[in-house]
C-alpha atoms as a PDB file:
ATOM      1  CA  UNK A   1       6.037 -36.144  -7.182  1.00  0.00           C
ATOM      2  CA  UNK A   2       3.114 -34.073  -7.931  1.00  0.00           C
ATOM      3  CA  UNK A   3       2.792 -32.282 -11.308  1.00  0.00           C
ATOM      4  CA  UNK A   4       0.104 -29.825 -10.082  1.00  0.00           C
ATOM      5  CA  UNK A   5       1.203 -26.211  -9.554  1.00  0.00           C
ATOM      6  CA  UNK A   6       0.943 -24.633  -6.184  1.00  0.00           C
ATOM      7  CA  UNK A   7      -2.364 -22.553  -5.550  1.00  0.00           C
ATOM      8  CA  UNK A   8      -2.006 -19.013  -6.346  1.00  0.00           C
ATOM      9  CA  UNK A   9      -2.247 -16.569  -3.465  1.00  0.00           C
ATOM     10  CA  UNK A  10      -4.967 -14.041  -3.431  1.00  0.00           C
ATOM     11  CA  UNK A  11      -4.958 -11.001  -1.212  1.00  0.00           C
ATOM     12  CA  UNK A  12      -7.210  -8.005  -0.431  1.00  0.00           C
ATOM     13  CA  UNK A  13      -6.278  -5.057  -2.729  1.00  0.00           C
ATOM     14  CA  UNK A  14      -5.365  -2.064  -0.305  1.00  0.00           C
ATOM     15  CA  UNK A  15      -7.218   0.358  -2.389  1.00  0.00           C
ATOM     16  CA  UNK A  16     -10.527  -1.141  -3.462  1.00  0.00           C
ATOM     17  CA  UNK A  17     -10.688  -4.193  -1.072  1.00  0.00           C
ATOM     18  CA  UNK A  18     -11.220  -6.577  -4.126  1.00  0.00           C
ATOM     19  CA  UNK A  19      -9.223  -9.745  -4.858  1.00  0.00           C
ATOM     20  CA  UNK A  20      -5.809  -9.380  -6.062  1.00  0.00           C
ATOM     21  CA  UNK A  21      -3.407 -12.053  -7.310  1.00  0.00           C
ATOM     22  CA  UNK A  22      -0.043 -11.884  -5.298  1.00  0.00           C
ATOM     23  CA  UNK A  23       2.389 -13.368  -7.703  1.00  0.00           C
ATOM     24  CA  UNK A  24       4.897 -12.422 -10.132  1.00  0.00           C
ATOM     25  CA  UNK A  25       2.340 -12.494 -13.082  1.00  0.00           C
ATOM     26  CA  UNK A  26       0.708  -9.356 -11.289  1.00  0.00           C
ATOM     27  CA  UNK A  27       3.034  -6.397 -11.917  1.00  0.00           C
ATOM     28  CA  UNK A  28       0.747  -4.334  -9.783  1.00  0.00           C
ATOM     29  CA  UNK A  29       0.855  -6.589  -6.630  1.00  0.00           C
ATOM     30  CA  UNK A  30      -0.330  -5.967  -3.836  1.00  0.00           C
ATOM     31  CA  UNK A  31      -2.922  -3.860  -5.896  1.00  0.00           C
ATOM     32  CA  UNK A  32      -5.317  -5.578  -8.330  1.00  0.00           C
ATOM     33  CA  UNK A  33      -4.883  -3.104 -11.081  1.00  0.00           C
ATOM     34  CA  UNK A  34      -2.744  -0.081 -12.283  1.00  0.00           C
ATOM     35  CA  UNK A  35      -5.563   2.146 -11.336  1.00  0.00           C
ATOM     36  CA  UNK A  36      -5.535   1.079  -7.736  1.00  0.00           C
ATOM     37  CA  UNK A  37      -1.734   1.450  -7.634  1.00  0.00           C
ATOM     38  CA  UNK A  38      -2.011   4.971  -9.018  1.00  0.00           C
ATOM     39  CA  UNK A  39      -4.795   5.963  -6.543  1.00  0.00           C
ATOM     40  CA  UNK A  40      -2.579   4.795  -3.720  1.00  0.00           C
ATOM     41  CA  UNK A  41       0.493   6.670  -5.100  1.00  0.00           C
ATOM     42  CA  UNK A  42      -1.463   9.746  -5.499  1.00  0.00           C
ATOM     43  CA  UNK A  43      -2.603   9.646  -1.925  1.00  0.00           C
ATOM     44  CA  UNK A  44       1.071   9.470  -0.824  1.00  0.00           C
ATOM     45  CA  UNK A  45       2.086  12.095  -3.217  1.00  0.00           C
ATOM     46  CA  UNK A  46      -0.630  14.533  -1.889  1.00  0.00           C
ATOM     47  CA  UNK A  47       0.323  13.683   1.766  1.00  0.00           C
ATOM     48  CA  UNK A  48      -3.056  12.218   2.460  1.00  0.00           C
ATOM     49  CA  UNK A  49      -1.208   9.390   4.404  1.00  0.00           C
ATOM     50  CA  UNK A  50       0.697  10.842   7.263  1.00  0.00           C
ATOM     51  CA  UNK A  51       2.560   9.372  10.280  1.00  0.00           C
ATOM     52  CA  UNK A  52       1.260  11.223  13.477  1.00  0.00           C
ATOM     53  CA  UNK A  53       3.994  12.779  15.594  1.00  0.00           C
ATOM     54  CA  UNK A  54       3.937  14.228  18.980  1.00  0.00           C
ATOM     55  CA  UNK A  55       5.044  17.914  19.032  1.00  0.00           C
ATOM     56  CA  UNK A  56       8.381  18.348  20.581  1.00  0.00           C
ATOM     57  CA  UNK A  57       8.405  20.671  23.627  1.00  0.00           C
ATOM     58  CA  UNK A  58      11.921  21.870  22.876  1.00  0.00           C
ATOM     59  CA  UNK A  59      10.560  23.303  19.555  1.00  0.00           C
ATOM     60  CA  UNK A  60       7.920  25.351  21.332  1.00  0.00           C
ATOM     61  CA  UNK A  61      10.654  26.860  23.668  1.00  0.00           C
ATOM     62  CA  UNK A  62      12.938  27.688  20.721  1.00  0.00           C
ATOM     63  CA  UNK A  63      10.229  29.679  18.933  1.00  0.00           C
ATOM     64  CA  UNK A  64       9.263  31.653  22.147  1.00  0.00           C
END
């Protein structure tokens, strides 16, 4: 049996693009820091991230 630990996975931080440890040791994963996590949360809270939707034609007829 090998006594070496498995290599730790590093991913790209969604906010800054820097390296981020993707492991239980990083409480902010997948972000690299608390700052990057808060920047992302702030964007969601201010509705900077949106899911595009097509207008429903039935809504136009109802308001006419």
